[in-house]
């Protein structure tokens, strides 16, 4: 399957609320997920949402194993999450640096809920129900924001903590998420 171009901030598709998936285990859905997997792997991303490749459907994939880009991060299991519902557990927020394939070359500090309960379905229509925290919770919130037309810079509270990666982290190789 092909690596698809990733839309960049400013593209109107990234600002739309994505439509729910109504048919599971279809050739079209499997092809979309394969394209997302290939694109995410090619870009070394932690996750990707269907709107980022121009498909306005409520589909995200994410997963982080041992990755030199995230040396201190907990591993996040590879997940296909469709029609997700996110519910914060508690009110505690945690600030953390984020990047995005749709905002290349930049990073910003974003507040996210520390703990999260999420539900949804995999590509076969099987239910997913997880309680997560830390980096896993951050990745899910970031990717699912794309389904509601929200990019991480919209959540930044202090623009002094937003800028170009090579300026913020001179000498470090930090890629986009």
N, C-alpha and C. Protein backbone atom coordinates (compact mmCIF):
# COMPACT_ATOMS: atom_id res chain seq x y z
N UNK A 1 0.85 -1.19 0.00
CA UNK A 1 0.00 0.00 0.00
C UNK A 1 0.89 1.24 0.00
N UNK A 2 0.37 2.33 -0.51
CA UNK A 2 1.22 3.52 -0.66
C UNK A 2 1.35 4.33 0.63
N UNK A 3 2.49 5.02 0.70
CA UNK A 3 2.67 6.05 1.72
C UNK A 3 1.92 7.27 1.20
N UNK A 4 1.03 7.80 2.01
CA UNK A 4 0.19 8.92 1.57
C UNK A 4 0.80 10.25 2.03
N UNK A 5 0.56 11.33 1.30
CA UNK A 5 1.00 12.64 1.77
C UNK A 5 0.25 13.01 3.05
N UNK A 6 0.96 13.63 3.97
CA UNK A 6 0.35 14.08 5.23
C UNK A 6 -0.03 15.55 5.07
N UNK A 7 -1.30 15.85 5.34
CA UNK A 7 -1.78 17.23 5.25
C UNK A 7 -1.13 18.06 6.34
N UNK A 8 -0.89 19.33 6.02
CA UNK A 8 -0.25 20.23 6.98
C UNK A 8 -1.26 21.22 7.54
N UNK A 9 -0.94 21.71 8.74
CA UNK A 9 -1.79 22.69 9.40
C UNK A 9 -2.11 23.82 8.42
N UNK A 10 -3.37 24.16 8.35
CA UNK A 10 -3.86 25.14 7.39
C UNK A 10 -4.80 24.50 6.38
N UNK A 11 -4.65 23.18 6.18
CA UNK A 11 -5.55 22.47 5.27
C UNK A 11 -6.93 22.37 5.93
N UNK A 12 -8.00 22.76 5.24
CA UNK A 12 -9.33 22.76 5.86
C UNK A 12 -9.82 21.39 6.32
N UNK A 13 -9.35 20.31 5.72
CA UNK A 13 -9.78 18.97 6.17
C UNK A 13 -9.36 18.72 7.61
N UNK A 14 -8.21 19.28 8.02
CA UNK A 14 -7.73 19.08 9.39
C UNK A 14 -8.57 19.82 10.43
N UNK A 15 -9.43 20.73 9.99
CA UNK A 15 -10.26 21.50 10.91
C UNK A 15 -11.70 20.97 10.99
N UNK A 16 -11.99 19.91 10.25
CA UNK A 16 -13.35 19.34 10.23
C UNK A 16 -13.52 18.29 11.31
N UNK A 17 -14.76 18.13 11.74
CA UNK A 17 -15.10 16.99 12.59
C UNK A 17 -15.30 15.79 11.67
N UNK A 18 -14.55 14.72 11.93
CA UNK A 18 -14.60 13.54 11.07
C UNK A 18 -15.89 12.74 11.28
N UNK A 19 -16.31 12.06 10.24
CA UNK A 19 -17.53 11.25 10.28
C UNK A 19 -17.25 9.89 10.92
N UNK A 20 -18.25 9.32 11.60
CA UNK A 20 -18.06 7.99 12.17
C UNK A 20 -17.98 6.92 11.09
N UNK A 21 -17.26 5.86 11.41
CA UNK A 21 -17.21 4.69 10.54
C UNK A 21 -18.50 3.90 10.76
N UNK A 22 -19.14 3.50 9.68
CA UNK A 22 -20.40 2.76 9.79
C UNK A 22 -20.28 1.31 9.35
N UNK A 23 -19.19 0.99 8.64
CA UNK A 23 -19.01 -0.39 8.18
C UNK A 23 -17.61 -0.88 8.56
N UNK A 24 -17.57 -1.94 9.35
CA UNK A 24 -16.31 -2.51 9.81
C UNK A 24 -15.92 -3.70 8.92
N UNK A 25 -14.65 -4.08 9.01
CA UNK A 25 -14.12 -5.26 8.32
C UNK A 25 -14.41 -5.22 6.82
N UNK A 26 -14.28 -4.04 6.24
CA UNK A 26 -14.49 -3.89 4.80
C UNK A 26 -13.14 -3.73 4.10
N UNK A 27 -13.07 -4.08 2.82
CA UNK A 27 -11.81 -3.87 2.08
C UNK A 27 -11.35 -2.41 2.11
N UNK A 28 -12.31 -1.48 2.05
CA UNK A 28 -11.96 -0.06 2.06
C UNK A 28 -11.33 0.35 3.40
N UNK A 29 -11.91 -0.13 4.49
CA UNK A 29 -11.37 0.21 5.82
C UNK A 29 -10.00 -0.41 6.01
N UNK A 30 -9.83 -1.66 5.60
CA UNK A 30 -8.52 -2.32 5.73
C UNK A 30 -7.47 -1.60 4.88
N UNK A 31 -7.83 -1.15 3.69
CA UNK A 31 -6.89 -0.42 2.83
C UNK A 31 -6.51 0.91 3.46
N UNK A 32 -7.48 1.62 4.05
CA UNK A 32 -7.20 2.88 4.74
C UNK A 32 -6.22 2.65 5.88
N UNK A 33 -6.46 1.65 6.70
CA UNK A 33 -5.59 1.37 7.85
C UNK A 33 -4.19 0.99 7.37
N UNK A 34 -4.09 0.21 6.31
CA UNK A 34 -2.77 -0.14 5.77
C UNK A 34 -2.03 1.10 5.30
N UNK A 35 -2.74 2.00 4.61
CA UNK A 35 -2.11 3.25 4.17
C UNK A 35 -1.66 4.08 5.37
N UNK A 36 -2.47 4.11 6.43
CA UNK A 36 -2.10 4.85 7.64
C UNK A 36 -0.86 4.22 8.28
N UNK A 37 -0.83 2.88 8.37
CA UNK A 37 0.32 2.19 8.95
C UNK A 37 1.59 2.49 8.16
N UNK A 38 1.50 2.40 6.83
CA UNK A 38 2.67 2.64 5.98
C UNK A 38 3.15 4.07 6.11
N UNK A 39 2.22 5.01 6.15
CA UNK A 39 2.58 6.42 6.27
C UNK A 39 3.19 6.71 7.62
N UNK A 40 2.59 6.20 8.70
CA UNK A 40 3.12 6.41 10.04
C UNK A 40 4.52 5.83 10.17
N UNK A 41 4.73 4.62 9.65
CA UNK A 41 6.05 3.98 9.72
C UNK A 41 7.08 4.77 8.92
N UNK A 42 6.69 5.22 7.73
CA UNK A 42 7.60 5.99 6.88
C UNK A 42 8.02 7.29 7.56
N UNK A 43 7.11 7.90 8.31
CA UNK A 43 7.36 9.18 8.97
C UNK A 43 7.90 9.01 10.39
N UNK A 44 8.05 7.76 10.84
CA UNK A 44 8.49 7.47 12.21
C UNK A 44 7.59 8.12 13.25
N UNK A 45 6.28 8.07 13.03
CA UNK A 45 5.34 8.69 13.94
C UNK A 45 4.92 7.76 15.07
N UNK A 46 4.40 8.36 16.13
CA UNK A 46 3.83 7.61 17.25
C UNK A 46 2.37 7.27 16.97
N UNK A 47 1.77 7.99 16.04
CA UNK A 47 0.38 7.76 15.69
C UNK A 47 0.00 8.61 14.50
N UNK A 48 -1.17 8.32 13.96
CA UNK A 48 -1.69 9.11 12.84
C UNK A 48 -3.20 8.94 12.81
N UNK A 49 -3.88 9.98 12.38
CA UNK A 49 -5.33 9.97 12.26
C UNK A 49 -5.70 10.04 10.78
N UNK A 50 -6.81 9.41 10.42
CA UNK A 50 -7.24 9.38 9.02
C UNK A 50 -7.33 10.78 8.39
N UNK A 51 -7.82 11.81 9.11
CA UNK A 51 -7.87 13.14 8.48
C UNK A 51 -6.49 13.66 8.05
N UNK A 52 -5.43 13.19 8.71
CA UNK A 52 -4.09 13.66 8.34
C UNK A 52 -3.67 13.19 6.96
N UNK A 53 -4.32 12.14 6.46
CA UNK A 53 -4.03 11.71 5.08
C UNK A 53 -5.23 11.99 4.17
N UNK A 54 -6.08 12.91 4.61
CA UNK A 54 -7.15 13.41 3.76
C UNK A 54 -8.44 12.63 3.79
N UNK A 55 -8.60 11.71 4.77
CA UNK A 55 -9.82 10.91 4.88
C UNK A 55 -10.54 11.31 6.16
N UNK A 56 -11.67 11.94 6.02
CA UNK A 56 -12.38 12.48 7.18
C UNK A 56 -13.28 11.42 7.83
N UNK A 57 -12.62 10.41 8.41
CA UNK A 57 -13.30 9.35 9.16
C UNK A 57 -12.67 9.24 10.54
N UNK A 58 -13.45 8.76 11.52
CA UNK A 58 -13.00 8.67 12.91
C UNK A 58 -12.17 7.39 13.12
N UNK A 59 -10.96 7.44 12.55
CA UNK A 59 -10.02 6.32 12.64
C UNK A 59 -8.65 6.88 13.04
N UNK A 60 -8.06 6.30 14.09
CA UNK A 60 -6.69 6.62 14.46
C UNK A 60 -5.92 5.33 14.66
N UNK A 61 -4.63 5.39 14.46
CA UNK A 61 -3.75 4.29 14.86
C UNK A 61 -2.62 4.90 15.66
N UNK A 62 -2.07 4.12 16.59
CA UNK A 62 -0.94 4.60 17.37
C UNK A 62 -0.21 3.41 17.96
N UNK A 63 1.00 3.65 18.39
CA UNK A 63 1.80 2.62 19.02
C UNK A 63 3.24 3.04 19.09
N UNK A 64 3.87 2.79 20.23
CA UNK A 64 5.27 3.14 20.42
C UNK A 64 5.95 1.99 21.14
N UNK A 65 6.91 1.37 20.49
CA UNK A 65 7.73 0.36 21.14
C UNK A 65 9.01 1.01 21.63
N UNK A 66 10.08 0.28 21.65
CA UNK A 66 11.38 0.87 21.95
C UNK A 66 11.71 1.80 20.79
N UNK A 67 11.82 3.08 21.09
CA UNK A 67 11.99 4.06 20.03
C UNK A 67 13.01 5.10 20.50
N UNK A 68 14.09 5.31 19.75
CA UNK A 68 15.09 6.29 20.17
C UNK A 68 14.53 7.71 20.25
N UNK A 69 13.43 7.97 19.55
CA UNK A 69 12.80 9.29 19.61
C UNK A 69 12.09 9.51 20.94
N UNK A 70 11.74 8.41 21.64
CA UNK A 70 11.03 8.50 22.91
C UNK A 70 11.74 7.62 23.93
N UNK A 71 13.01 7.92 24.25
CA UNK A 71 13.79 7.01 25.09
C UNK A 71 13.24 6.84 26.50
N UNK A 72 12.55 7.83 27.02
CA UNK A 72 12.03 7.76 28.38
C UNK A 72 10.55 7.42 28.44
N UNK A 73 9.94 7.24 27.29
CA UNK A 73 8.49 7.00 27.25
C UNK A 73 8.17 5.53 27.48
N UNK A 74 7.06 5.31 28.16
CA UNK A 74 6.55 3.96 28.30
C UNK A 74 6.11 3.47 26.93
N UNK A 75 6.17 2.16 26.73
CA UNK A 75 5.69 1.61 25.48
C UNK A 75 4.17 1.73 25.41
N UNK A 76 3.67 1.95 24.21
CA UNK A 76 2.24 2.05 23.95
C UNK A 76 1.90 0.96 22.95
N UNK A 77 0.94 0.08 23.27
CA UNK A 77 0.64 -1.02 22.33
C UNK A 77 0.06 -0.50 21.02
N UNK A 78 0.46 -1.15 19.93
CA UNK A 78 -0.10 -0.78 18.63
C UNK A 78 -1.62 -0.98 18.69
N UNK A 79 -2.35 0.05 18.29
CA UNK A 79 -3.81 0.03 18.39
C UNK A 79 -4.43 0.69 17.17
N UNK A 80 -5.46 0.05 16.63
CA UNK A 80 -6.37 0.66 15.68
C UNK A 80 -7.60 1.02 16.50
N UNK A 81 -7.96 2.30 16.52
CA UNK A 81 -9.07 2.77 17.34
C UNK A 81 -10.05 3.53 16.44
N UNK A 82 -11.27 3.03 16.37
CA UNK A 82 -12.29 3.59 15.49
C UNK A 82 -13.47 4.07 16.33
N UNK A 83 -14.01 5.22 15.95
CA UNK A 83 -15.16 5.84 16.64
C UNK A 83 -14.90 5.93 18.15
N UNK A 84 -13.76 6.52 18.54
CA UNK A 84 -13.40 6.54 19.96
C UNK A 84 -14.24 7.49 20.80
N UNK A 85 -14.36 7.12 22.07
CA UNK A 85 -14.93 7.99 23.10
C UNK A 85 -13.88 8.09 24.19
N UNK A 86 -13.50 9.32 24.56
CA UNK A 86 -12.50 9.55 25.59
C UNK A 86 -13.16 10.18 26.81
N UNK A 87 -12.84 9.64 27.98
CA UNK A 87 -13.36 10.18 29.23
C UNK A 87 -12.20 10.38 30.19
N UNK A 88 -11.91 11.63 30.58
CA UNK A 88 -10.84 11.85 31.55
C UNK A 88 -11.17 11.16 32.87
N UNK A 89 -10.14 10.66 33.53
CA UNK A 89 -10.29 10.07 34.86
C UNK A 89 -9.61 11.06 35.81
N UNK A 90 -10.42 11.79 36.53
CA UNK A 90 -9.88 12.86 37.39
C UNK A 90 -9.69 14.14 36.60
N UNK A 91 -9.17 15.14 37.30
CA UNK A 91 -9.00 16.45 36.68
C UNK A 91 -7.53 16.84 36.51
N UNK A 92 -6.61 15.96 36.90
CA UNK A 92 -5.19 16.29 36.83
C UNK A 92 -4.72 16.37 35.39
N UNK A 93 -4.05 17.47 35.09
CA UNK A 93 -3.44 17.69 33.79
C UNK A 93 -1.93 17.62 33.94
N UNK A 94 -1.27 17.21 32.88
CA UNK A 94 0.18 17.13 32.87
C UNK A 94 0.68 17.82 31.60
N UNK A 95 1.65 18.73 31.75
CA UNK A 95 2.24 19.38 30.60
C UNK A 95 3.29 18.48 29.97
N UNK A 96 3.36 18.48 28.65
CA UNK A 96 4.38 17.70 27.96
C UNK A 96 4.61 18.24 26.56
N UNK A 97 5.82 18.04 26.06
CA UNK A 97 6.17 18.47 24.70
C UNK A 97 5.50 17.56 23.69
N UNK A 98 4.94 18.16 22.65
CA UNK A 98 4.33 17.41 21.56
C UNK A 98 4.79 17.97 20.23
N UNK A 99 4.77 17.10 19.25
CA UNK A 99 4.98 17.47 17.86
C UNK A 99 3.90 16.78 17.05
N UNK A 100 3.89 17.03 15.75
CA UNK A 100 2.84 16.44 14.93
C UNK A 100 3.30 16.37 13.49
N UNK A 101 2.94 15.29 12.83
CA UNK A 101 3.28 15.13 11.42
C UNK A 101 2.66 16.24 10.57
N UNK A 102 1.55 16.82 11.03
CA UNK A 102 0.88 17.89 10.30
C UNK A 102 1.40 19.28 10.66
N UNK A 103 2.33 19.35 11.61
CA UNK A 103 2.96 20.61 12.02
C UNK A 103 4.47 20.35 12.04
N UNK A 104 5.05 20.06 10.88
CA UNK A 104 6.44 19.60 10.85
C UNK A 104 7.44 20.65 11.34
N UNK A 105 8.45 20.13 12.05
CA UNK A 105 9.54 20.98 12.49
C UNK A 105 9.27 21.82 13.72
N UNK A 106 8.12 21.62 14.37
CA UNK A 106 7.77 22.43 15.52
C UNK A 106 7.41 21.54 16.70
N UNK A 107 7.52 22.10 17.90
CA UNK A 107 7.14 21.43 19.15
C UNK A 107 6.48 22.47 20.05
N UNK A 108 5.63 21.97 20.96
CA UNK A 108 5.01 22.85 21.94
C UNK A 108 4.62 22.08 23.17
N UNK A 109 4.49 22.79 24.29
CA UNK A 109 4.07 22.19 25.55
C UNK A 109 2.54 22.23 25.62
N UNK A 110 1.96 21.05 25.77
CA UNK A 110 0.50 20.89 25.74
C UNK A 110 0.03 20.23 27.04
N UNK A 111 -1.00 20.79 27.68
CA UNK A 111 -1.59 20.11 28.84
C UNK A 111 -2.52 18.99 28.38
N UNK A 112 -2.38 17.83 29.00
CA UNK A 112 -3.26 16.69 28.71
C UNK A 112 -3.66 16.04 30.02
N UNK A 113 -4.81 15.37 30.02
CA UNK A 113 -5.22 14.61 31.19
C UNK A 113 -4.22 13.50 31.46
N UNK A 114 -3.86 13.34 32.73
CA UNK A 114 -2.90 12.30 33.12
C UNK A 114 -3.48 10.90 32.95
N UNK A 115 -4.77 10.76 33.27
CA UNK A 115 -5.41 9.44 33.20
C UNK A 115 -6.64 9.55 32.30
N UNK A 116 -6.90 8.45 31.59
CA UNK A 116 -7.93 8.48 30.57
C UNK A 116 -8.57 7.11 30.42
N UNK A 117 -9.87 7.11 30.24
CA UNK A 117 -10.60 5.89 29.87
C UNK A 117 -11.05 6.09 28.44
N UNK A 118 -10.68 5.14 27.57
CA UNK A 118 -11.16 5.27 26.20
C UNK A 118 -11.79 3.97 25.73
N UNK A 119 -12.79 4.16 24.87
CA UNK A 119 -13.49 3.03 24.27
C UNK A 119 -13.59 3.29 22.77
N UNK A 120 -13.89 2.26 22.05
CA UNK A 120 -14.06 2.34 20.61
C UNK A 120 -14.05 0.94 20.05
N UNK A 121 -13.65 0.82 18.80
CA UNK A 121 -13.67 -0.46 18.12
C UNK A 121 -12.40 -0.63 17.29
N UNK A 122 -12.03 -1.89 17.05
CA UNK A 122 -10.95 -2.15 16.12
C UNK A 122 -11.55 -2.26 14.71
N UNK A 123 -10.72 -2.58 13.74
CA UNK A 123 -11.20 -2.60 12.34
C UNK A 123 -12.20 -3.72 12.06
N UNK A 124 -12.29 -4.68 12.96
CA UNK A 124 -13.24 -5.79 12.79
C UNK A 124 -14.55 -5.55 13.55
N UNK A 125 -14.64 -4.41 14.23
CA UNK A 125 -15.84 -4.10 15.01
C UNK A 125 -15.80 -4.64 16.42
N UNK A 126 -14.64 -5.19 16.85
CA UNK A 126 -14.50 -5.70 18.22
C UNK A 126 -14.28 -4.52 19.16
N UNK A 127 -14.95 -4.52 20.33
CA UNK A 127 -14.82 -3.39 21.24
C UNK A 127 -13.44 -3.29 21.88
N UNK A 128 -13.04 -2.07 22.12
CA UNK A 128 -11.81 -1.74 22.85
C UNK A 128 -12.23 -0.91 24.06
N UNK A 129 -11.70 -1.25 25.22
CA UNK A 129 -12.04 -0.55 26.46
C UNK A 129 -10.78 -0.54 27.33
N UNK A 130 -10.15 0.64 27.50
CA UNK A 130 -8.88 0.73 28.23
C UNK A 130 -8.86 1.90 29.18
N UNK A 131 -8.17 1.69 30.28
CA UNK A 131 -7.86 2.73 31.25
C UNK A 131 -6.36 2.93 31.18
N UNK A 132 -5.90 4.14 30.83
CA UNK A 132 -4.49 4.38 30.59
C UNK A 132 -4.04 5.66 31.29
N UNK A 133 -2.71 5.81 31.35
CA UNK A 133 -2.14 7.01 31.96
C UNK A 133 -0.84 7.36 31.26
N UNK A 134 -0.27 8.49 31.64
CA UNK A 134 1.04 8.89 31.15
C UNK A 134 1.09 9.10 29.65
N UNK A 135 2.19 8.62 29.04
CA UNK A 135 2.43 8.82 27.62
C UNK A 135 1.33 8.20 26.76
N UNK A 136 0.83 7.03 27.16
CA UNK A 136 -0.24 6.37 26.42
C UNK A 136 -1.46 7.31 26.36
N UNK A 137 -1.84 7.88 27.50
CA UNK A 137 -2.98 8.79 27.54
C UNK A 137 -2.73 10.01 26.65
N UNK A 138 -1.51 10.53 26.67
CA UNK A 138 -1.17 11.70 25.85
C UNK A 138 -1.31 11.39 24.36
N UNK A 139 -0.78 10.25 23.94
CA UNK A 139 -0.83 9.89 22.52
C UNK A 139 -2.28 9.73 22.05
N UNK A 140 -3.11 9.07 22.85
CA UNK A 140 -4.51 8.88 22.47
C UNK A 140 -5.22 10.23 22.35
N UNK A 141 -5.01 11.11 23.32
CA UNK A 141 -5.67 12.42 23.27
C UNK A 141 -5.22 13.21 22.05
N UNK A 142 -3.91 13.18 21.76
CA UNK A 142 -3.38 13.92 20.61
C UNK A 142 -4.02 13.41 19.31
N UNK A 143 -4.00 12.09 19.13
CA UNK A 143 -4.53 11.54 17.87
C UNK A 143 -6.04 11.76 17.75
N UNK A 144 -6.77 11.57 18.83
CA UNK A 144 -8.23 11.73 18.77
C UNK A 144 -8.64 13.19 18.59
N UNK A 145 -7.79 14.14 19.03
CA UNK A 145 -8.07 15.55 18.74
C UNK A 145 -8.21 15.78 17.24
N UNK A 146 -7.42 15.08 16.43
CA UNK A 146 -7.50 15.24 14.98
C UNK A 146 -8.89 14.92 14.45
N UNK A 147 -9.61 14.04 15.13
CA UNK A 147 -10.96 13.65 14.68
C UNK A 147 -11.99 14.74 14.92
N UNK A 148 -11.62 15.70 15.78
CA UNK A 148 -12.52 16.82 16.08
C UNK A 148 -12.01 18.13 15.51
N UNK A 149 -11.03 18.06 14.61
CA UNK A 149 -10.51 19.27 13.98
C UNK A 149 -9.60 20.09 14.87
N UNK A 150 -8.95 19.45 15.84
CA UNK A 150 -8.08 20.16 16.78
C UNK A 150 -6.63 19.72 16.56
N UNK A 151 -5.75 20.69 16.36
CA UNK A 151 -4.32 20.43 16.26
C UNK A 151 -3.66 20.91 17.56
N UNK A 152 -2.57 20.26 17.96
CA UNK A 152 -1.99 20.54 19.27
C UNK A 152 -1.67 22.01 19.53
N UNK A 153 -1.27 22.83 18.51
CA UNK A 153 -1.01 24.24 18.83
C UNK A 153 -2.24 24.97 19.38
N UNK A 154 -3.43 24.48 19.07
CA UNK A 154 -4.66 25.09 19.57
C UNK A 154 -4.81 24.89 21.08
N UNK A 155 -4.08 23.94 21.65
CA UNK A 155 -4.17 23.64 23.09
C UNK A 155 -3.03 24.24 23.90
N UNK A 156 -2.06 24.83 23.23
CA UNK A 156 -0.92 25.41 23.94
C UNK A 156 -1.38 26.62 24.74
N UNK A 157 -0.99 26.66 26.02
CA UNK A 157 -1.36 27.77 26.90
C UNK A 157 -0.36 28.91 26.86
N UNK A 158 0.93 28.59 26.68
CA UNK A 158 1.99 29.57 26.73
C UNK A 158 2.80 29.48 25.44
N UNK A 159 2.59 30.44 24.54
CA UNK A 159 3.26 30.38 23.24
C UNK A 159 4.78 30.57 23.34
N UNK A 160 5.28 30.94 24.52
CA UNK A 160 6.73 30.97 24.73
C UNK A 160 7.29 29.54 24.74
N UNK A 161 6.40 28.55 24.90
CA UNK A 161 6.80 27.15 24.89
C UNK A 161 6.33 26.47 23.60
N UNK A 162 6.47 27.19 22.50
CA UNK A 162 6.11 26.69 21.18
C UNK A 162 7.11 27.26 20.19
N UNK A 163 7.69 26.40 19.38
CA UNK A 163 8.64 26.92 18.41
C UNK A 163 9.22 25.82 17.55
N UNK A 164 10.21 26.21 16.78
CA UNK A 164 10.88 25.28 15.89
C UNK A 164 11.78 24.35 16.69
N UNK A 165 11.71 23.08 16.37
CA UNK A 165 12.43 22.05 17.09
C UNK A 165 13.92 22.33 17.13
N UNK A 166 14.51 22.72 16.00
CA UNK A 166 15.96 22.93 15.97
C UNK A 166 16.40 24.13 16.79
N UNK A 167 15.49 25.06 17.08
CA UNK A 167 15.81 26.21 17.92
C UNK A 167 15.58 25.86 19.40
N UNK A 168 14.49 25.17 19.68
CA UNK A 168 14.17 24.78 21.06
C UNK A 168 15.16 23.76 21.61
N UNK A 169 15.60 22.84 20.76
CA UNK A 169 16.47 21.73 21.17
C UNK A 169 17.71 21.69 20.28
N UNK A 170 18.57 22.72 20.34
CA UNK A 170 19.73 22.74 19.45
C UNK A 170 20.63 21.53 19.64
N UNK A 171 21.04 20.95 18.53
CA UNK A 171 21.93 19.81 18.56
C UNK A 171 21.24 18.48 18.76
N UNK A 172 19.96 18.48 19.12
CA UNK A 172 19.22 17.23 19.32
C UNK A 172 18.48 16.87 18.04
N UNK A 173 18.41 15.59 17.76
CA UNK A 173 17.61 15.12 16.64
C UNK A 173 16.25 14.74 17.21
N UNK A 174 15.27 15.63 17.00
CA UNK A 174 13.91 15.39 17.50
C UNK A 174 12.99 15.50 16.29
N UNK A 175 12.35 14.37 15.96
CA UNK A 175 11.46 14.35 14.80
C UNK A 175 10.04 14.66 15.23
N UNK A 176 9.18 14.85 14.25
CA UNK A 176 7.76 15.12 14.52
C UNK A 176 7.05 13.83 14.89
N UNK A 177 5.93 13.95 15.63
CA UNK A 177 5.14 12.79 16.03
C UNK A 177 4.28 12.30 14.90
